[in-house]
Amino acid sequence: MARYFHLKKWFIFSKLLHNINYIVSNVEISLEAEIGEGFRIAHPSGVVIGKMRCGNGLTVFSGVVIGARRIGEGKEGKYAVMGDNIIIYSGAKIIGDIKVGDSVIIAANSVVLESVPDNKTVAGIPAKVIHHQ
């Protein structure tokens, strides 16, 4: 609902609902995030999602952060563009202007700093491909 009001430019209502959602669920999702159908937060505690774009079927677990990498003072950060059917396990971080392909699994506590091709499983700090699906 907060995103709906944001798109309708009813900013007072969108911000109010956004803040209520954060207080109740401990989840921070940017009003400018574009998330497809079938979005699921399996364990919502500590999830932070910036204004990224994602297809259908995204599942995230607790402590996931999808954020920007800022380069230079005062510059707008760049966010990830993600495909369909992605699972991001607890504590994983996806940072910067990268592409995450379709049917990707991101292991717990991984830090993804580079693009991930379709049908891969990544793990580690920084995340590397560990399995081809």
N, C-alpha and C. Protein backbone atom coordinates (compact mmCIF):
# COMPACT_ATOMS: atom_id res chain seq x y z
N MET A 1 0.82 -1.19 0.00
CA MET A 1 0.00 0.00 0.00
C MET A 1 0.87 1.26 0.00
N ALA A 2 1.97 1.22 0.75
CA ALA A 2 2.85 2.39 0.79
C ALA A 2 3.38 2.71 -0.60
N ARG A 3 3.78 1.70 -1.34
CA ARG A 3 4.27 1.91 -2.71
C ARG A 3 3.16 2.47 -3.60
N TYR A 4 1.96 1.95 -3.46
CA TYR A 4 0.82 2.44 -4.25
C TYR A 4 0.62 3.94 -4.01
N PHE A 5 0.58 4.34 -2.74
CA PHE A 5 0.40 5.77 -2.43
C PHE A 5 1.59 6.59 -2.93
N HIS A 6 2.79 6.03 -2.87
CA HIS A 6 3.98 6.73 -3.37
C HIS A 6 3.85 6.99 -4.88
N LEU A 7 3.41 5.97 -5.63
CA LEU A 7 3.24 6.13 -7.08
C LEU A 7 2.13 7.13 -7.42
N LYS A 8 1.12 7.23 -6.57
CA LYS A 8 0.03 8.19 -6.76
C LYS A 8 0.41 9.59 -6.28
N LYS A 9 1.64 9.71 -5.73
CA LYS A 9 2.17 10.97 -5.23
C LYS A 9 1.41 11.47 -4.00
N TRP A 10 0.89 10.55 -3.21
CA TRP A 10 0.28 10.85 -1.92
C TRP A 10 1.34 10.56 -0.87
N PHE A 11 2.32 11.42 -0.81
CA PHE A 11 3.54 11.16 -0.05
C PHE A 11 3.31 11.07 1.46
N ILE A 12 2.37 11.81 1.99
CA ILE A 12 2.13 11.73 3.43
C ILE A 12 1.65 10.33 3.81
N PHE A 13 0.70 9.79 3.04
CA PHE A 13 0.18 8.45 3.32
C PHE A 13 1.25 7.38 3.09
N SER A 14 2.03 7.54 2.02
CA SER A 14 3.04 6.53 1.72
C SER A 14 4.10 6.49 2.82
N LYS A 15 4.54 7.64 3.27
CA LYS A 15 5.56 7.69 4.33
C LYS A 15 5.01 7.16 5.65
N LEU A 16 3.76 7.49 5.95
CA LEU A 16 3.14 7.00 7.18
C LEU A 16 3.06 5.47 7.16
N LEU A 17 2.57 4.88 6.10
CA LEU A 17 2.48 3.42 6.00
C LEU A 17 3.86 2.78 6.00
N HIS A 18 4.81 3.42 5.34
CA HIS A 18 6.18 2.92 5.30
C HIS A 18 6.75 2.85 6.72
N ASN A 19 6.55 3.88 7.51
CA ASN A 19 7.06 3.91 8.88
C ASN A 19 6.35 2.91 9.78
N ILE A 20 5.04 2.76 9.62
CA ILE A 20 4.30 1.77 10.40
C ILE A 20 4.81 0.37 10.07
N ASN A 21 5.03 0.08 8.79
CA ASN A 21 5.56 -1.22 8.38
C ASN A 21 6.91 -1.49 9.04
N TYR A 22 7.77 -0.49 9.06
CA TYR A 22 9.08 -0.67 9.67
C TYR A 22 8.97 -0.96 11.17
N ILE A 23 8.13 -0.23 11.86
CA ILE A 23 7.96 -0.42 13.30
C ILE A 23 7.41 -1.81 13.61
N VAL A 24 6.43 -2.25 12.84
CA VAL A 24 5.77 -3.53 13.10
C VAL A 24 6.65 -4.71 12.70
N SER A 25 7.32 -4.62 11.56
CA SER A 25 8.01 -5.81 11.01
C SER A 25 9.53 -5.76 11.06
N ASN A 26 10.12 -4.60 11.36
CA ASN A 26 11.58 -4.44 11.36
C ASN A 26 12.15 -4.70 9.96
N VAL A 27 11.38 -4.32 8.94
CA VAL A 27 11.79 -4.44 7.55
C VAL A 27 11.78 -3.05 6.93
N GLU A 28 12.85 -2.72 6.22
CA GLU A 28 12.97 -1.42 5.54
C GLU A 28 13.03 -1.69 4.04
N ILE A 29 11.98 -1.31 3.31
CA ILE A 29 11.96 -1.47 1.86
C ILE A 29 11.72 -0.09 1.26
N SER A 30 12.63 0.32 0.38
CA SER A 30 12.51 1.63 -0.26
C SER A 30 11.19 1.72 -1.01
N LEU A 31 10.57 2.89 -0.93
CA LEU A 31 9.34 3.12 -1.69
C LEU A 31 9.60 3.12 -3.19
N GLU A 32 10.85 3.25 -3.59
CA GLU A 32 11.20 3.27 -5.01
C GLU A 32 11.67 1.91 -5.51
N ALA A 33 11.68 0.90 -4.65
CA ALA A 33 12.05 -0.45 -5.08
C ALA A 33 10.97 -1.00 -6.00
N GLU A 34 11.39 -1.67 -7.07
CA GLU A 34 10.46 -2.30 -8.01
C GLU A 34 10.61 -3.81 -7.86
N ILE A 35 9.62 -4.43 -7.22
CA ILE A 35 9.68 -5.86 -6.91
C ILE A 35 8.49 -6.55 -7.55
N GLY A 36 8.77 -7.64 -8.28
CA GLY A 36 7.74 -8.37 -8.99
C GLY A 36 6.83 -9.17 -8.07
N GLU A 37 5.96 -9.96 -8.68
CA GLU A 37 5.01 -10.79 -7.94
C GLU A 37 5.72 -11.94 -7.23
N GLY A 38 5.08 -12.46 -6.20
CA GLY A 38 5.62 -13.60 -5.48
C GLY A 38 6.75 -13.26 -4.53
N PHE A 39 6.88 -11.99 -4.16
CA PHE A 39 7.92 -11.57 -3.21
C PHE A 39 7.59 -12.14 -1.84
N ARG A 40 8.60 -12.73 -1.18
CA ARG A 40 8.39 -13.37 0.11
C ARG A 40 9.56 -13.07 1.03
N ILE A 41 9.25 -12.67 2.26
CA ILE A 41 10.27 -12.51 3.29
C ILE A 41 10.03 -13.63 4.30
N ALA A 42 10.89 -14.64 4.28
CA ALA A 42 10.67 -15.83 5.10
C ALA A 42 10.81 -15.52 6.59
N HIS A 43 11.80 -14.75 6.96
CA HIS A 43 12.01 -14.32 8.35
C HIS A 43 12.38 -12.84 8.28
N PRO A 44 11.46 -11.94 8.62
CA PRO A 44 11.63 -10.53 8.27
C PRO A 44 12.62 -9.72 9.09
N SER A 45 13.13 -10.20 10.18
CA SER A 45 13.94 -9.36 11.05
C SER A 45 15.19 -8.82 10.36
N GLY A 46 15.33 -7.51 10.35
CA GLY A 46 16.55 -6.86 9.87
C GLY A 46 16.74 -6.80 8.37
N VAL A 47 15.70 -6.97 7.58
CA VAL A 47 15.81 -6.90 6.12
C VAL A 47 15.80 -5.44 5.68
N VAL A 48 16.76 -5.07 4.82
CA VAL A 48 16.84 -3.72 4.27
C VAL A 48 16.98 -3.84 2.76
N ILE A 49 16.03 -3.24 2.03
CA ILE A 49 16.05 -3.31 0.57
C ILE A 49 15.99 -1.89 0.02
N GLY A 50 17.02 -1.51 -0.72
CA GLY A 50 17.07 -0.20 -1.35
C GLY A 50 16.24 -0.17 -2.63
N LYS A 51 16.42 0.85 -3.43
CA LYS A 51 15.58 1.00 -4.62
C LYS A 51 16.08 0.18 -5.81
N MET A 52 16.20 -1.09 -5.58
CA MET A 52 16.60 -2.04 -6.62
C MET A 52 15.40 -2.43 -7.47
N ARG A 53 15.69 -3.18 -8.55
CA ARG A 53 14.63 -3.73 -9.40
C ARG A 53 14.76 -5.24 -9.39
N CYS A 54 13.62 -5.93 -9.31
CA CYS A 54 13.64 -7.39 -9.25
C CYS A 54 12.44 -7.95 -9.97
N GLY A 55 12.62 -9.10 -10.58
CA GLY A 55 11.54 -9.81 -11.25
C GLY A 55 10.66 -10.54 -10.25
N ASN A 56 10.01 -11.60 -10.70
CA ASN A 56 9.08 -12.37 -9.89
C ASN A 56 9.80 -13.44 -9.08
N GLY A 57 9.21 -13.79 -7.93
CA GLY A 57 9.67 -14.93 -7.16
C GLY A 57 10.91 -14.68 -6.31
N LEU A 58 11.07 -13.50 -5.76
CA LEU A 58 12.20 -13.21 -4.87
C LEU A 58 11.86 -13.66 -3.45
N THR A 59 12.76 -14.44 -2.84
CA THR A 59 12.61 -14.85 -1.44
C THR A 59 13.84 -14.40 -0.68
N VAL A 60 13.63 -13.70 0.43
CA VAL A 60 14.74 -13.26 1.27
C VAL A 60 14.51 -13.73 2.70
N PHE A 61 15.61 -13.95 3.42
CA PHE A 61 15.58 -14.36 4.81
C PHE A 61 16.12 -13.23 5.68
N SER A 62 16.19 -13.43 6.98
CA SER A 62 16.56 -12.37 7.92
C SER A 62 17.95 -11.79 7.65
N GLY A 63 18.08 -10.51 7.93
CA GLY A 63 19.37 -9.85 7.85
C GLY A 63 19.88 -9.56 6.45
N VAL A 64 19.06 -9.74 5.44
CA VAL A 64 19.49 -9.47 4.06
C VAL A 64 19.50 -7.97 3.81
N VAL A 65 20.56 -7.50 3.14
CA VAL A 65 20.65 -6.10 2.75
C VAL A 65 20.91 -6.05 1.25
N ILE A 66 20.09 -5.28 0.54
CA ILE A 66 20.31 -5.01 -0.88
C ILE A 66 20.48 -3.50 -0.97
N GLY A 67 21.73 -3.07 -1.14
CA GLY A 67 22.04 -1.65 -1.03
C GLY A 67 22.86 -1.11 -2.18
N ALA A 68 23.19 0.16 -2.07
CA ALA A 68 23.94 0.87 -3.10
C ALA A 68 25.40 0.96 -2.74
N ARG A 69 26.18 1.16 -3.75
CA ARG A 69 27.59 1.48 -3.56
C ARG A 69 27.75 2.93 -4.04
N ARG A 70 28.08 3.80 -3.12
CA ARG A 70 28.24 5.21 -3.48
C ARG A 70 29.69 5.47 -3.85
N ILE A 71 29.85 6.17 -4.96
CA ILE A 71 31.19 6.51 -5.42
C ILE A 71 31.25 8.02 -5.52
N GLY A 72 32.00 8.63 -4.63
CA GLY A 72 32.14 10.09 -4.64
C GLY A 72 31.14 10.75 -3.72
N GLU A 73 31.52 11.88 -3.22
CA GLU A 73 30.69 12.64 -2.29
C GLU A 73 29.45 13.20 -2.99
N GLY A 74 28.28 12.97 -2.39
CA GLY A 74 27.03 13.54 -2.90
C GLY A 74 26.47 12.86 -4.13
N LYS A 75 27.09 11.78 -4.62
CA LYS A 75 26.57 11.11 -5.80
C LYS A 75 25.54 10.06 -5.40
N GLU A 76 24.55 9.87 -6.27
CA GLU A 76 23.52 8.87 -6.06
C GLU A 76 24.11 7.48 -6.19
N GLY A 77 23.76 6.59 -5.28
CA GLY A 77 24.24 5.21 -5.34
C GLY A 77 23.53 4.42 -6.41
N LYS A 78 24.17 3.37 -6.87
CA LYS A 78 23.59 2.49 -7.88
C LYS A 78 23.19 1.18 -7.22
N TYR A 79 22.03 0.65 -7.61
CA TYR A 79 21.47 -0.54 -7.00
C TYR A 79 21.41 -1.71 -7.98
N ALA A 80 21.19 -2.89 -7.44
CA ALA A 80 21.14 -4.12 -8.23
C ALA A 80 19.87 -4.21 -9.08
N VAL A 81 20.01 -4.94 -10.18
CA VAL A 81 18.89 -5.35 -11.01
C VAL A 81 18.89 -6.87 -10.96
N MET A 82 17.76 -7.45 -10.55
CA MET A 82 17.71 -8.88 -10.29
C MET A 82 16.64 -9.55 -11.15
N GLY A 83 16.90 -10.79 -11.51
CA GLY A 83 15.97 -11.56 -12.34
C GLY A 83 14.87 -12.22 -11.54
N ASP A 84 14.36 -13.33 -12.07
CA ASP A 84 13.27 -14.08 -11.46
C ASP A 84 13.80 -15.25 -10.63
N ASN A 85 12.98 -15.68 -9.66
CA ASN A 85 13.22 -16.90 -8.87
C ASN A 85 14.58 -16.90 -8.17
N ILE A 86 14.80 -15.90 -7.35
CA ILE A 86 16.06 -15.76 -6.61
C ILE A 86 15.79 -16.01 -5.13
N ILE A 87 16.71 -16.75 -4.49
CA ILE A 87 16.64 -16.98 -3.05
C ILE A 87 17.89 -16.37 -2.43
N ILE A 88 17.69 -15.51 -1.43
CA ILE A 88 18.80 -14.88 -0.72
C ILE A 88 18.71 -15.29 0.74
N TYR A 89 19.68 -16.06 1.21
CA TYR A 89 19.65 -16.58 2.57
C TYR A 89 20.17 -15.57 3.59
N SER A 90 19.95 -15.89 4.86
CA SER A 90 20.19 -14.99 6.00
C SER A 90 21.57 -14.32 5.97
N GLY A 91 21.55 -13.03 6.22
CA GLY A 91 22.79 -12.27 6.38
C GLY A 91 23.50 -11.88 5.11
N ALA A 92 22.98 -12.28 3.96
CA ALA A 92 23.65 -11.95 2.69
C ALA A 92 23.50 -10.46 2.38
N LYS A 93 24.51 -9.92 1.71
CA LYS A 93 24.52 -8.52 1.30
C LYS A 93 24.75 -8.46 -0.20
N ILE A 94 23.95 -7.66 -0.90
CA ILE A 94 24.11 -7.43 -2.33
C ILE A 94 24.32 -5.94 -2.49
N ILE A 95 25.50 -5.57 -2.93
CA ILE A 95 25.89 -4.16 -2.90
C ILE A 95 26.28 -3.69 -4.29
N GLY A 96 25.64 -2.61 -4.74
CA GLY A 96 26.09 -1.92 -5.94
C GLY A 96 25.27 -2.18 -7.18
N ASP A 97 25.77 -1.63 -8.27
CA ASP A 97 25.14 -1.66 -9.58
C ASP A 97 25.52 -2.96 -10.29
N ILE A 98 24.86 -4.06 -9.91
CA ILE A 98 25.17 -5.36 -10.48
C ILE A 98 23.91 -6.01 -10.99
N LYS A 99 24.07 -7.06 -11.79
CA LYS A 99 22.93 -7.84 -12.28
C LYS A 99 23.02 -9.22 -11.67
N VAL A 100 21.89 -9.65 -11.11
CA VAL A 100 21.77 -11.01 -10.59
C VAL A 100 20.77 -11.72 -11.50
N GLY A 101 21.21 -12.79 -12.14
CA GLY A 101 20.40 -13.49 -13.13
C GLY A 101 19.25 -14.27 -12.54
N ASP A 102 18.53 -14.97 -13.41
CA ASP A 102 17.40 -15.80 -13.01
C ASP A 102 17.87 -17.05 -12.29
N SER A 103 17.03 -17.55 -11.37
CA SER A 103 17.25 -18.80 -10.65
C SER A 103 18.61 -18.85 -9.95
N VAL A 104 18.94 -17.79 -9.25
CA VAL A 104 20.19 -17.69 -8.50
C VAL A 104 19.92 -17.94 -7.02
N ILE A 105 20.85 -18.63 -6.37
CA ILE A 105 20.81 -18.82 -4.92
C ILE A 105 22.03 -18.11 -4.34
N ILE A 106 21.78 -17.25 -3.35
CA ILE A 106 22.87 -16.55 -2.66
C ILE A 106 22.94 -17.10 -1.24
N ALA A 107 24.07 -17.71 -0.90
CA ALA A 107 24.24 -18.40 0.37
C ALA A 107 24.27 -17.42 1.54
N ALA A 108 24.02 -17.95 2.72
CA ALA A 108 24.00 -17.14 3.95
C ALA A 108 25.33 -16.42 4.15
N ASN A 109 25.23 -15.17 4.59
CA ASN A 109 26.37 -14.32 4.93
C ASN A 109 27.31 -14.01 3.77
N SER A 110 26.86 -14.21 2.56
CA SER A 110 27.68 -13.87 1.39
C SER A 110 27.64 -12.37 1.15
N VAL A 111 28.68 -11.86 0.51
CA VAL A 111 28.72 -10.45 0.11
C VAL A 111 28.90 -10.43 -1.40
N VAL A 112 27.85 -10.05 -2.11
CA VAL A 112 27.84 -10.06 -3.57
C VAL A 112 28.19 -8.67 -4.07
N LEU A 113 29.36 -8.57 -4.74
CA LEU A 113 29.85 -7.29 -5.26
C LEU A 113 29.95 -7.27 -6.77
N GLU A 114 29.78 -8.44 -7.42
CA GLU A 114 29.87 -8.55 -8.88
C GLU A 114 28.64 -9.28 -9.41
N SER A 115 28.33 -9.07 -10.66
CA SER A 115 27.17 -9.69 -11.29
C SER A 115 27.23 -11.21 -11.22
N VAL A 116 26.05 -11.83 -11.16
CA VAL A 116 25.93 -13.28 -11.07
C VAL A 116 25.11 -13.77 -12.26
N PRO A 117 25.65 -14.71 -13.07
CA PRO A 117 24.89 -15.23 -14.21
C PRO A 117 23.70 -16.09 -13.77
N ASP A 118 22.82 -16.40 -14.71
CA ASP A 118 21.67 -17.27 -14.45
C ASP A 118 22.10 -18.63 -13.92
N ASN A 119 21.22 -19.24 -13.11
CA ASN A 119 21.35 -20.64 -12.66
C ASN A 119 22.65 -20.93 -11.91
N LYS A 120 23.05 -20.03 -11.03
CA LYS A 120 24.27 -20.22 -10.25
C LYS A 120 23.95 -20.13 -8.76
N THR A 121 24.80 -20.73 -7.95
CA THR A 121 24.79 -20.56 -6.50
C THR A 121 26.10 -19.89 -6.14
N VAL A 122 26.01 -18.80 -5.36
CA VAL A 122 27.21 -18.08 -4.95
C VAL A 122 27.32 -18.07 -3.44
N ALA A 123 28.58 -18.03 -2.94
CA ALA A 123 28.83 -18.00 -1.51
C ALA A 123 30.17 -17.34 -1.25
N GLY A 124 30.33 -16.82 -0.03
CA GLY A 124 31.63 -16.29 0.38
C GLY A 124 31.68 -14.79 0.45
N ILE A 125 32.86 -14.31 0.87
CA ILE A 125 33.13 -12.88 0.98
C ILE A 125 34.46 -12.62 0.28
N PRO A 126 34.47 -12.04 -0.88
CA PRO A 126 33.32 -11.73 -1.72
C PRO A 126 32.75 -13.01 -2.34
N ALA A 127 31.49 -12.95 -2.75
CA ALA A 127 30.80 -14.14 -3.26
C ALA A 127 31.40 -14.61 -4.58
N LYS A 128 31.56 -15.92 -4.67
CA LYS A 128 32.04 -16.60 -5.89
C LYS A 128 31.08 -17.73 -6.22
N VAL A 129 31.03 -18.12 -7.49
CA VAL A 129 30.18 -19.23 -7.92
C VAL A 129 30.70 -20.52 -7.31
N ILE A 130 29.81 -21.24 -6.64
CA ILE A 130 30.21 -22.53 -6.04
C ILE A 130 29.44 -23.70 -6.65
N HIS A 131 28.36 -23.40 -7.40
CA HIS A 131 27.57 -24.48 -7.97
C HIS A 131 26.86 -23.97 -9.22
N HIS A 132 26.86 -24.79 -10.25
CA HIS A 132 26.12 -24.51 -11.48
C HIS A 132 24.88 -25.37 -11.48
N GLN A 133 23.70 -24.75 -11.52
CA GLN A 133 22.45 -25.50 -11.43
C GLN A 133 22.03 -26.05 -12.77
